Amino acid sequence: MSGQGSSKKSDSSPGYDLVVVANRLPVDVTVDASGGVSWQRSPGGLVTALEPVMREADGAWVGWSGAPDLEHEPFEADEMLLVPVTLSRAEIEGYYEGFANDTLWPLYHDVISPPAYHRQWWDAYRRVNQRFAEAAAAQAAEGAVVWVHDYQLQLVPRMLRDLRPDLRIGFFEHIPFPAVELFQQLPWRHQIVEGLLGADLIGFQRGGDASNFVRSVRRLTKHTTRGPIITVNDEDGRPGRHVRAAAFPISIDSAHFDRLARSPEVQARAKEIRADLGDPEVMMLGVDRLDYTKGIRHRIKAYGELLQDGRLDVGHCTLVQVASPSRENVEAYQELREHVEVLVGRINGEFGELGHSAIHYLHHSYPPAEMAALYLAADVMLVTSLRDGMNLVAKEYVAARSDERGVLVLSEFTGAADELAPGPLLCNPHDIDGMKDIIVAAAHMDPKEQRRRMRRLRRKVVADDVAKWSQSFLGVLTAMPPRTSHV
């Protein structure tokens, strides 16, 4: 998807029946030397999930272009209307890098890193959320469905309802929602809860996240709850709308990864990767954004200790760690990169041999075909997140293993653990000794046991794909009672 265009929505048009609101548009933007703007489709599970639905529903997608101070009219791309929201560099620093990623992200991930609370960041977050809400309201048809996504836009549902009470509004939280004891640290906790309650349906990755939100509503508001249903009272105290909070675990385009892994090119590349590594008996793989929630340091520490203990050796085993760059303007991420690179260097220095590195550390991203080849090459996949809403890498690994080989080591603190157990070997990444035992068990697992576990995993991942996720959420949202009903 590339190029420039104009909206197909004329002044007389009634608007769009489905509007998606997300922090980013489903495109990457490029500005040439003459100021010309071009767009290229960006990969991602959300785009894959929603594109066919939006085509059928004549949909519009509201989001930031990814570039500061870039103004552009709405334009058509792949039968969707894309509506860019302009953000200044100062707003990106306050709303995105600040409040979203240095306040909400650490707070919602169990304060693995301390959150920072700054009123200026909150003010930027509120202003930007209002801009997103206004852009969505301008594109939605009468009675349309608007689906808002993720922690960057938690105020949008209420703002949008104030602007357009006729709309049916859904919200999906892609990251965990914290326990009320953590959430109530946030100075603006009431505003966030009331912002989310502007939606008719609030989706979470895990049942525990939905329960955390309902408990926060009970603790912090006067609204009444009954199971997953929250009754939002009017200003005069009368019962009003019903809001549902429930789990809708997200997935991947499993068929796409399956096809990639079966292609001769990817299979040949997988063999080439193993040959480049010296044909190890056991290739272990970690694939993560370079984020402190992913447990990368814990994983590398456990692997280094296994080499030191002699339970693994570099002549027979190697670890490939792909760490995609992430939020490099945030100080906590800069510190994490330094720590990881020092740790990798120390382990390679102590245990590496000529022709055999202990750890191959790759600080960049790869296209899907190369990722499929890495998954197919890896005997053991290490997913050791300290906290993760879902972790789609675990599902991608399973989808790529049409050979029914390979072992998935999976943190019990991921949403994927709820769905995929008992297929993976579950670990507690805080328990280094326990994780070492599980890694060794994975490295020596019998091929028959591998096949038994992988078949179970593949049945789940192939059946519950990303299309089923989007259809499930939208099906529940559109089947809910009218928005203006009273009890």
Protein backbone atom coordinates (compact mmCIF):
# COMPACT_ATOMS: atom_id res chain seq x y z
CA MET A 1 0.00 0.00 0.00
CA SER A 2 1.73 3.17 -1.08
CA GLY A 3 1.21 6.56 -2.63
CA GLN A 4 -0.91 9.60 -1.97
CA GLY A 5 -4.60 10.11 -2.36
CA SER A 6 -7.69 11.96 -1.30
CA SER A 7 -10.71 10.86 0.68
CA LYS A 8 -13.59 9.14 -1.08
CA LYS A 9 -15.88 10.70 1.50
CA SER A 10 -17.63 13.69 -0.06
CA ASP A 11 -19.36 16.49 1.84
CA SER A 12 -22.69 14.80 1.21
CA SER A 13 -21.49 11.37 2.38
CA PRO A 14 -23.08 10.04 5.57
CA GLY A 15 -19.72 8.83 6.88
CA TYR A 16 -18.14 5.45 7.58
CA ASP A 17 -19.81 2.48 9.25
CA LEU A 18 -16.61 1.28 10.95
CA VAL A 19 -13.91 3.60 12.27
CA VAL A 20 -10.71 2.27 13.84
CA VAL A 21 -8.80 4.63 16.13
CA ALA A 22 -5.22 3.69 16.95
CA ASN A 23 -2.07 5.56 17.88
CA ARG A 24 -0.51 4.77 14.49
CA LEU A 25 -1.87 4.56 10.97
CA PRO A 26 -1.32 1.20 9.24
CA VAL A 27 1.36 2.83 7.06
CA ASP A 28 4.89 4.15 7.31
CA VAL A 29 5.37 7.69 6.05
CA THR A 30 8.25 9.00 3.95
CA VAL A 31 8.86 12.68 3.20
CA ASP A 32 11.17 13.35 0.23
CA ALA A 33 13.53 16.30 -0.20
CA SER A 34 10.92 18.32 -2.06
CA GLY A 35 8.34 17.83 0.69
CA GLY A 36 6.39 15.13 -1.14
CA VAL A 37 4.77 12.50 1.05
CA SER A 38 4.53 8.79 0.24
CA TRP A 39 3.10 5.93 2.27
CA GLN A 40 4.02 2.27 2.53
CA ARG A 41 1.96 -0.33 4.33
CA SER A 42 3.52 -1.32 7.66
CA PRO A 43 3.40 -4.92 8.86
CA GLY A 44 1.45 -5.74 11.98
CA GLY A 45 -1.16 -8.05 13.39
CA LEU A 46 -3.73 -5.32 13.91
CA VAL A 47 -3.58 -4.29 10.24
CA THR A 48 -3.91 -7.91 9.15
CA ALA A 49 -6.87 -8.47 11.46
CA LEU A 50 -8.86 -5.39 10.55
CA GLU A 51 -8.15 -4.85 6.86
CA PRO A 52 -10.72 -7.37 5.50
CA VAL A 53 -13.33 -6.23 8.01
CA MET A 54 -12.80 -2.59 7.11
CA ARG A 55 -12.98 -3.26 3.38
CA GLU A 56 -16.31 -4.99 3.82
CA ALA A 57 -17.65 -2.28 6.13
CA ASP A 58 -16.32 0.70 4.14
CA GLY A 59 -14.05 1.66 7.02
CA ALA A 60 -11.84 4.56 8.05
CA TRP A 61 -8.66 4.40 10.15
CA VAL A 62 -7.68 7.35 12.36
CA GLY A 63 -4.07 7.51 13.56
CA TRP A 64 -0.78 9.36 13.76
CA SER A 65 1.51 9.17 10.74
CA GLY A 66 4.61 8.54 12.88
CA ALA A 67 6.31 11.78 11.79
CA PRO A 68 6.24 15.05 13.80
CA ASP A 69 4.39 18.12 12.51
CA LEU A 70 3.21 16.34 9.36
CA GLU A 71 -0.17 17.57 8.13
CA HIS A 72 -1.93 15.61 5.42
CA GLU A 73 -5.48 15.30 4.18
CA PRO A 74 -7.32 11.98 4.57
CA PHE A 75 -6.54 9.61 1.70
CA GLU A 76 -7.57 6.24 0.33
CA ALA A 77 -5.36 3.17 0.55
CA ASP A 78 -6.41 -0.44 -0.11
CA GLU A 79 -10.11 0.44 0.12
CA MET A 80 -9.68 2.16 3.49
CA LEU A 81 -9.79 5.83 4.31
CA LEU A 82 -6.71 6.81 6.31
CA VAL A 83 -7.13 9.90 8.47
CA PRO A 84 -3.80 11.30 9.74
CA VAL A 85 -3.76 13.05 13.13
CA THR A 86 -1.04 15.67 13.32
CA LEU A 87 1.21 15.66 16.39
CA SER A 88 3.88 18.24 17.12
CA ARG A 89 7.30 17.20 18.33
CA ALA A 90 6.43 18.55 21.80
CA GLU A 91 3.22 16.50 21.86
CA ILE A 92 5.11 13.35 20.86
CA GLU A 93 7.49 13.95 23.77
CA GLY A 94 4.69 14.59 26.26
CA TYR A 95 1.84 12.34 25.11
CA TYR A 96 3.74 9.42 23.58
CA GLU A 97 7.27 9.21 24.95
CA GLY A 98 6.21 10.73 28.26
CA PHE A 99 2.77 9.78 29.56
CA ALA A 100 2.13 6.70 27.42
CA ASN A 101 5.57 5.12 27.61
CA ASP A 102 7.14 6.51 30.79
CA THR A 103 4.01 6.67 32.95
CA LEU A 104 1.38 4.16 31.80
CA TRP A 105 3.62 1.46 30.32
CA PRO A 106 5.70 0.81 33.48
CA LEU A 107 2.67 1.19 35.75
CA TYR A 108 0.59 -1.28 33.72
CA HIS A 109 3.51 -3.76 33.64
CA ASP A 110 3.66 -4.17 37.43
CA VAL A 111 6.14 -1.31 38.00
CA ILE A 112 9.08 -3.34 36.68
CA SER A 113 10.51 0.13 36.02
CA PRO A 114 9.29 3.07 38.16
CA PRO A 115 6.66 5.22 36.42
CA ALA A 116 7.15 8.97 36.18
CA TYR A 117 4.20 11.27 36.93
CA HIS A 118 4.29 14.71 35.33
CA ARG A 119 1.29 17.01 34.97
CA GLN A 120 2.61 18.40 31.69
CA TRP A 121 2.62 14.89 30.21
CA TRP A 122 -0.95 14.33 31.41
CA ASP A 123 -2.06 17.61 29.83
CA ALA A 124 -0.49 16.56 26.51
CA TYR A 125 -2.14 13.11 26.75
CA ARG A 126 -5.56 14.68 27.33
CA ARG A 127 -5.17 17.18 24.46
CA VAL A 128 -4.03 14.52 22.00
CA ASN A 129 -6.81 12.11 23.02
CA GLN A 130 -9.34 14.88 22.37
CA ARG A 131 -7.89 15.40 18.89
CA PHE A 132 -8.20 11.69 18.10
CA ALA A 133 -11.80 11.67 19.37
CA GLU A 134 -12.73 14.66 17.21
CA ALA A 135 -11.14 13.10 14.13
CA ALA A 136 -13.09 9.87 14.69
CA ALA A 137 -16.35 11.70 15.32
CA ALA A 138 -15.94 13.58 12.02
CA GLN A 139 -15.64 10.33 10.03
CA ALA A 140 -18.26 8.11 11.68
CA ALA A 141 -21.68 7.58 10.14
CA GLU A 142 -24.84 7.77 12.23
CA GLY A 143 -24.86 4.76 14.56
CA ALA A 144 -21.44 3.59 13.36
CA VAL A 145 -19.08 1.26 15.20
CA VAL A 146 -15.88 2.90 16.45
CA TRP A 147 -13.11 0.61 17.71
CA VAL A 148 -10.44 2.38 19.79
CA HIS A 149 -7.13 0.65 20.51
CA ASP A 150 -4.66 0.61 23.36
CA TYR A 151 -3.26 2.50 26.29
CA GLN A 152 -2.29 5.62 24.37
CA LEU A 153 -5.98 6.48 23.81
CA GLN A 154 -7.83 5.54 27.00
CA LEU A 155 -9.66 8.87 27.22
CA VAL A 156 -11.03 8.67 23.68
CA PRO A 157 -14.13 6.50 24.41
CA ARG A 158 -15.67 9.03 26.83
CA MET A 159 -14.67 12.04 24.73
CA LEU A 160 -16.15 10.36 21.67
CA ARG A 161 -19.39 9.53 23.49
CA ASP A 162 -19.73 13.16 24.56
CA LEU A 163 -19.33 14.21 20.92
CA ARG A 164 -21.40 11.41 19.36
CA PRO A 165 -23.78 9.58 21.74
CA ASP A 166 -25.25 7.72 18.74
CA LEU A 167 -22.09 5.64 18.22
CA ARG A 168 -21.39 2.10 19.37
CA ILE A 169 -17.91 2.27 20.87
CA GLY A 170 -15.46 -0.55 21.58
CA PHE A 171 -12.04 -0.34 23.22
CA PHE A 172 -9.28 -2.95 23.28
CA GLU A 173 -6.37 -2.81 25.75
CA HIS A 174 -3.42 -4.59 24.14
CA ILE A 175 -1.26 -4.46 27.28
CA PRO A 176 -2.04 -5.75 30.80
CA PHE A 177 -4.34 -3.82 33.11
CA PRO A 178 -2.78 -3.60 36.59
CA ALA A 179 -4.18 -4.59 39.95
CA VAL A 180 -6.10 -1.79 41.64
CA GLU A 181 -3.37 -1.44 44.30
CA LEU A 182 -0.96 -0.41 41.54
CA PHE A 183 -3.43 1.46 39.36
CA GLN A 184 -4.57 3.75 42.16
CA GLN A 185 -1.03 5.20 42.34
CA LEU A 186 -1.86 7.08 39.13
CA PRO A 187 -2.87 10.67 39.97
CA TRP A 188 -5.35 10.64 37.08
CA ARG A 189 -6.88 7.24 37.85
CA HIS A 190 -10.47 8.53 37.92
CA GLN A 191 -10.14 10.19 34.54
CA ILE A 192 -8.69 7.03 32.96
CA VAL A 193 -11.47 4.81 34.37
CA GLU A 194 -14.20 7.22 33.28
CA GLY A 195 -12.53 7.58 29.89
CA LEU A 196 -12.64 3.83 29.31
CA LEU A 197 -16.23 3.62 30.54
CA GLY A 198 -17.26 5.72 27.58
CA ALA A 199 -17.07 2.47 25.60
CA ASP A 200 -19.84 -0.12 25.35
CA LEU A 201 -17.36 -3.00 25.31
CA ILE A 202 -13.86 -2.99 26.81
CA GLY A 203 -11.66 -5.88 25.72
CA PHE A 204 -8.57 -7.21 27.49
CA GLN A 205 -6.01 -9.92 26.76
CA ARG A 206 -6.70 -12.00 29.87
CA GLY A 207 -9.63 -12.59 32.19
CA GLY A 208 -7.45 -11.34 35.04
CA ASP A 209 -6.98 -7.97 33.30
CA ALA A 210 -10.75 -7.56 32.88
CA SER A 211 -11.24 -8.44 36.56
CA ASN A 212 -8.58 -5.89 37.56
CA PHE A 213 -10.46 -3.20 35.66
CA VAL A 214 -13.82 -4.10 37.22
CA ARG A 215 -12.24 -4.01 40.69
CA SER A 216 -10.81 -0.56 39.91
CA VAL A 217 -14.29 0.61 38.92
CA ARG A 218 -15.70 -0.68 42.23
CA ARG A 219 -12.90 0.88 44.28
CA LEU A 220 -12.65 4.24 42.53
CA THR A 221 -16.19 5.08 41.34
CA LYS A 222 -19.82 4.89 42.45
CA HIS A 223 -20.84 2.83 39.42
CA THR A 224 -22.33 -0.57 40.13
CA THR A 225 -20.93 -3.86 38.83
CA ARG A 226 -22.36 -7.33 38.39
CA GLY A 227 -19.83 -9.80 37.08
CA PRO A 228 -18.38 -8.35 33.87
CA ILE A 229 -21.20 -5.78 33.50
CA ILE A 230 -20.71 -2.23 34.77
CA THR A 231 -23.74 0.04 35.03
CA VAL A 232 -22.60 3.60 34.40
CA ASN A 233 -24.80 5.93 36.44
CA ASP A 234 -26.05 9.25 35.12
CA GLU A 235 -24.90 12.50 36.72
CA ASP A 236 -28.05 12.51 38.84
CA GLY A 237 -27.23 9.01 40.07
CA ARG A 238 -29.80 7.10 38.03
CA PRO A 239 -28.61 3.85 36.40
CA GLY A 240 -27.72 4.41 32.76
CA ARG A 241 -25.64 2.55 30.17
CA HIS A 242 -24.28 -0.95 30.57
CA VAL A 243 -20.58 -1.53 29.80
CA ARG A 244 -19.09 -5.00 29.41
CA ALA A 245 -15.46 -5.78 30.33
CA ALA A 246 -14.23 -9.13 29.01
CA ALA A 247 -11.22 -11.04 27.69
CA PHE A 248 -10.62 -11.29 23.93
CA PRO A 249 -7.09 -12.72 23.58
CA ILE A 250 -5.48 -11.45 20.39
CA SER A 251 -3.75 -13.76 17.94
CA ILE A 252 -1.79 -13.73 14.67
CA ASP A 253 -2.29 -14.52 10.99
CA SER A 254 -1.26 -18.11 11.65
CA ALA A 255 -1.98 -19.28 8.11
CA HIS A 256 0.45 -16.67 6.75
CA PHE A 257 3.32 -17.87 8.98
CA ASP A 258 2.49 -21.47 8.17
CA ARG A 259 2.70 -20.74 4.43
CA LEU A 260 5.96 -18.81 4.86
CA ALA A 261 7.58 -21.66 6.79
CA ARG A 262 6.53 -24.21 4.17
CA SER A 263 8.01 -22.21 1.27
CA PRO A 264 11.24 -23.63 -0.25
CA GLU A 265 12.97 -20.26 0.11
CA VAL A 266 12.34 -20.02 3.86
CA GLN A 267 13.27 -23.67 4.44
CA ALA A 268 16.52 -23.17 2.54
CA ARG A 269 17.21 -20.00 4.53
CA ALA A 270 16.62 -21.88 7.81
CA LYS A 271 19.25 -24.44 6.84
CA GLU A 272 21.61 -21.63 5.85
CA ILE A 273 21.14 -19.94 9.25
CA ARG A 274 22.09 -23.13 11.06
CA ALA A 275 25.11 -23.62 8.81
CA ASP A 276 26.22 -20.02 9.48
CA LEU A 277 26.04 -20.76 13.20
CA GLY A 278 28.26 -23.82 12.82
CA ASP A 279 25.41 -26.37 12.77
CA PRO A 280 24.86 -26.46 16.52
CA GLU A 281 23.09 -29.43 18.06
CA VAL A 282 20.74 -26.99 19.82
CA MET A 283 19.92 -23.52 18.57
CA MET A 284 18.03 -21.39 21.07
CA LEU A 285 16.22 -18.24 19.97
CA GLY A 286 14.90 -15.12 21.68
CA VAL A 287 12.94 -12.51 19.69
CA ASP A 288 11.81 -9.38 21.49
CA ARG A 289 11.49 -5.66 21.36
CA LEU A 290 14.32 -4.31 23.50
CA ASP A 291 12.00 -3.66 26.45
CA TYR A 292 12.52 -4.18 30.17
CA THR A 293 9.25 -6.16 30.37
CA LYS A 294 10.59 -8.93 28.12
CA GLY A 295 12.95 -10.55 30.61
CA ILE A 296 15.92 -10.45 28.21
CA ARG A 297 18.47 -9.92 30.99
CA HIS A 298 16.99 -12.78 33.05
CA ARG A 299 17.15 -15.10 30.03
CA ILE A 300 20.74 -14.22 29.17
CA LYS A 301 21.80 -14.51 32.83
CA ALA A 302 20.26 -18.00 33.05
CA TYR A 303 21.95 -19.06 29.80
CA GLY A 304 25.32 -17.71 30.97
CA GLU A 305 25.05 -19.61 34.25
CA LEU A 306 24.24 -22.82 32.36
CA LEU A 307 27.48 -22.40 30.40
CA GLN A 308 29.36 -21.68 33.62
CA ASP A 309 27.85 -24.76 35.31
CA GLY A 310 28.79 -26.94 32.34
CA ARG A 311 25.18 -28.01 31.76
CA LEU A 312 25.40 -26.45 28.28
CA ASP A 313 28.50 -25.76 26.19
CA VAL A 314 29.15 -23.55 23.18
CA GLY A 315 30.40 -26.46 21.12
CA HIS A 316 26.91 -27.91 21.03
CA CYS A 317 24.56 -25.01 21.84
CA THR A 318 24.17 -21.37 20.85
CA LEU A 319 21.70 -18.60 21.65
CA VAL A 320 20.50 -16.16 18.99
CA GLN A 321 18.93 -13.06 20.56
CA VAL A 322 17.06 -10.68 18.25
CA ALA A 323 16.38 -7.42 20.11
CA SER A 324 14.46 -4.94 17.95
CA PRO A 325 15.13 -1.26 18.73
CA SER A 326 12.40 0.28 20.86
CA ARG A 327 11.69 3.74 22.30
CA GLU A 328 15.31 4.77 22.10
CA ASN A 329 14.52 8.29 23.34
CA VAL A 330 13.32 6.94 26.72
CA GLU A 331 16.11 6.75 29.32
CA ALA A 332 15.05 3.37 30.76
CA TYR A 333 15.42 1.79 27.32
CA GLN A 334 18.85 3.32 26.77
CA GLU A 335 19.99 1.87 30.09
CA LEU A 336 18.53 -1.54 29.22
CA ARG A 337 20.41 -1.66 25.93
CA GLU A 338 23.69 -0.87 27.69
CA HIS A 339 23.10 -3.56 30.33
CA VAL A 340 22.18 -6.23 27.79
CA GLU A 341 25.13 -5.47 25.53
CA VAL A 342 27.58 -5.53 28.46
CA LEU A 343 26.12 -8.86 29.64
CA VAL A 344 26.32 -10.41 26.16
CA GLY A 345 29.90 -9.19 25.75
CA ARG A 346 30.95 -10.64 29.10
CA ILE A 347 29.42 -14.07 28.38
CA ASN A 348 30.92 -14.20 24.89
CA GLY A 349 34.27 -13.18 26.28
CA GLU A 350 34.23 -15.87 28.96
CA PHE A 351 32.71 -18.79 27.05
CA GLY A 352 33.08 -18.10 23.32
CA GLU A 353 35.45 -20.17 21.20
CA LEU A 354 36.91 -19.69 17.73
CA GLY A 355 34.05 -20.42 15.37
CA HIS A 356 31.55 -20.74 18.24
CA SER A 357 29.96 -17.69 19.87
CA ALA A 358 27.94 -18.26 23.01
CA ILE A 359 25.39 -15.59 22.05
CA HIS A 360 24.66 -14.02 18.68
CA TYR A 361 23.11 -10.66 19.55
CA LEU A 362 21.24 -8.80 16.77
CA HIS A 363 19.96 -5.30 17.53
CA HIS A 364 17.67 -4.76 14.56
CA SER A 365 14.40 -5.92 13.05
CA TYR A 366 13.79 -8.48 10.31
CA PRO A 367 11.06 -8.96 7.67
CA PRO A 368 8.50 -11.76 8.19
CA ALA A 369 10.22 -14.23 5.84
CA GLU A 370 13.50 -13.97 7.74
CA MET A 371 11.65 -14.32 11.04
CA ALA A 372 9.92 -17.46 9.76
CA ALA A 373 13.34 -18.87 8.81
CA LEU A 374 14.72 -18.10 12.28
CA TYR A 375 11.71 -19.78 13.91
CA LEU A 376 12.13 -22.82 11.68
CA ALA A 377 15.85 -23.01 12.47
CA ALA A 378 15.43 -22.78 16.25
CA ASP A 379 15.20 -25.91 18.37
CA VAL A 380 14.13 -23.95 21.45
CA MET A 381 12.16 -20.68 21.57
CA LEU A 382 12.71 -18.69 24.77
CA VAL A 383 9.88 -16.30 25.72
CA THR A 384 10.70 -15.15 29.25
CA SER A 385 8.68 -11.95 29.68
CA LEU A 386 8.34 -10.53 33.17
CA ARG A 387 4.89 -9.26 32.14
CA ASP A 388 3.20 -9.35 28.75
CA GLY A 389 -0.34 -8.69 27.59
CA MET A 390 -0.12 -11.58 25.14
CA ASN A 391 3.25 -12.11 23.37
CA LEU A 392 2.60 -12.91 19.74
CA VAL A 393 6.16 -14.13 19.10
CA ALA A 394 5.24 -17.33 20.94
CA LYS A 395 2.31 -17.86 18.57
CA GLU A 396 4.41 -17.00 15.50
CA TYR A 397 6.94 -19.68 16.47
CA VAL A 398 4.21 -22.28 16.78
CA ALA A 399 2.59 -21.27 13.48
CA ALA A 400 5.93 -21.58 11.69
CA ARG A 401 6.60 -25.11 12.98
CA SER A 402 4.67 -27.14 10.43
CA ASP A 403 7.38 -29.81 10.95
CA GLU A 404 5.96 -30.31 14.46
CA ARG A 405 9.42 -29.94 15.99
CA GLY A 406 10.82 -27.40 18.43
CA VAL A 407 10.14 -26.55 22.06
CA LEU A 408 8.47 -23.39 23.36
CA VAL A 409 9.67 -22.15 26.76
CA LEU A 410 7.06 -19.62 27.86
CA SER A 411 6.81 -17.28 30.82
CA GLU A 412 3.74 -17.87 32.97
CA PHE A 413 3.34 -14.08 33.11
CA THR A 414 2.25 -13.79 29.46
CA GLY A 415 -1.29 -13.85 28.17
CA ALA A 416 -0.17 -16.61 25.81
CA ALA A 417 0.45 -18.88 28.80
CA ASP A 418 -3.27 -18.81 29.64
CA GLU A 419 -4.16 -19.93 26.13
CA LEU A 420 -1.38 -22.32 25.15
CA ALA A 421 -0.76 -24.41 28.29
CA PRO A 422 -0.01 -27.30 28.60
CA GLY A 423 1.85 -27.26 25.26
CA PRO A 424 4.80 -25.06 26.27
CA LEU A 425 7.23 -25.50 29.14
CA LEU A 426 6.12 -22.75 31.53
CA CYS A 427 8.71 -20.84 33.54
CA ASN A 428 8.94 -18.11 36.15
CA PRO A 429 11.66 -15.78 34.79
CA HIS A 430 12.30 -14.38 38.28
CA ASP A 431 13.36 -17.89 39.38
CA ILE A 432 16.72 -18.17 37.61
CA ASP A 433 17.47 -21.67 38.93
CA GLY A 434 14.05 -22.94 37.92
CA MET A 435 14.37 -21.36 34.48
CA LYS A 436 17.78 -23.00 34.01
CA ASP A 437 16.25 -26.41 34.68
CA ILE A 438 13.48 -25.77 32.14
CA ILE A 439 15.94 -24.57 29.46
CA VAL A 440 18.00 -27.74 29.91
CA ALA A 441 14.84 -29.87 29.72
CA ALA A 442 13.88 -28.11 26.49
CA ALA A 443 17.35 -28.63 25.00
CA HIS A 444 17.16 -32.37 25.64
CA MET A 445 13.49 -33.04 24.97
CA ASP A 446 12.71 -36.27 23.11
CA PRO A 447 11.47 -35.68 19.50
CA LYS A 448 8.28 -37.64 20.21
CA GLU A 449 7.49 -35.36 23.16
CA GLN A 450 8.25 -32.34 20.98
CA ARG A 451 5.75 -33.51 18.37
CA ARG A 452 3.07 -34.23 20.97
CA ARG A 453 3.37 -30.77 22.46
CA MET A 454 3.71 -28.94 19.14
CA ARG A 455 0.63 -30.62 17.66
CA ARG A 456 -1.41 -29.41 20.60
CA LEU A 457 0.02 -25.91 20.28
CA ARG A 458 -0.60 -25.74 16.54
CA ARG A 459 -4.23 -26.85 16.86
CA LYS A 460 -4.86 -23.93 19.18
CA VAL A 461 -2.91 -21.28 17.27
CA VAL A 462 -4.26 -22.24 13.84
CA ALA A 463 -7.88 -22.41 15.03
CA ASP A 464 -7.86 -19.16 17.04
CA ASP A 465 -6.27 -16.77 14.55
CA VAL A 466 -6.40 -13.00 14.34
CA ALA A 467 -9.45 -12.97 12.06
CA LYS A 468 -11.41 -14.94 14.66
CA TRP A 469 -10.29 -12.42 17.30
CA SER A 470 -11.59 -9.39 15.42
CA GLN A 471 -14.82 -11.12 14.45
CA SER A 472 -15.39 -12.19 18.05
CA PHE A 473 -14.90 -8.69 19.46
CA LEU A 474 -17.01 -6.94 16.83
CA GLY A 475 -19.68 -9.64 17.08
CA VAL A 476 -20.11 -9.05 20.83
CA LEU A 477 -20.00 -5.27 20.40
CA THR A 478 -22.67 -5.13 17.71
CA ALA A 479 -24.92 -7.59 19.59
CA MET A 480 -25.00 -5.51 22.78
CA PRO A 481 -28.22 -3.70 23.80
CA PRO A 482 -28.92 -0.19 22.41
CA ARG A 483 -26.65 2.47 23.84
CA THR A 484 -29.44 4.67 25.18
CA SER A 485 -31.23 1.97 27.20
CA HIS A 486 -31.99 2.53 30.88
CA VAL A 487 -32.51 -0.03 33.57
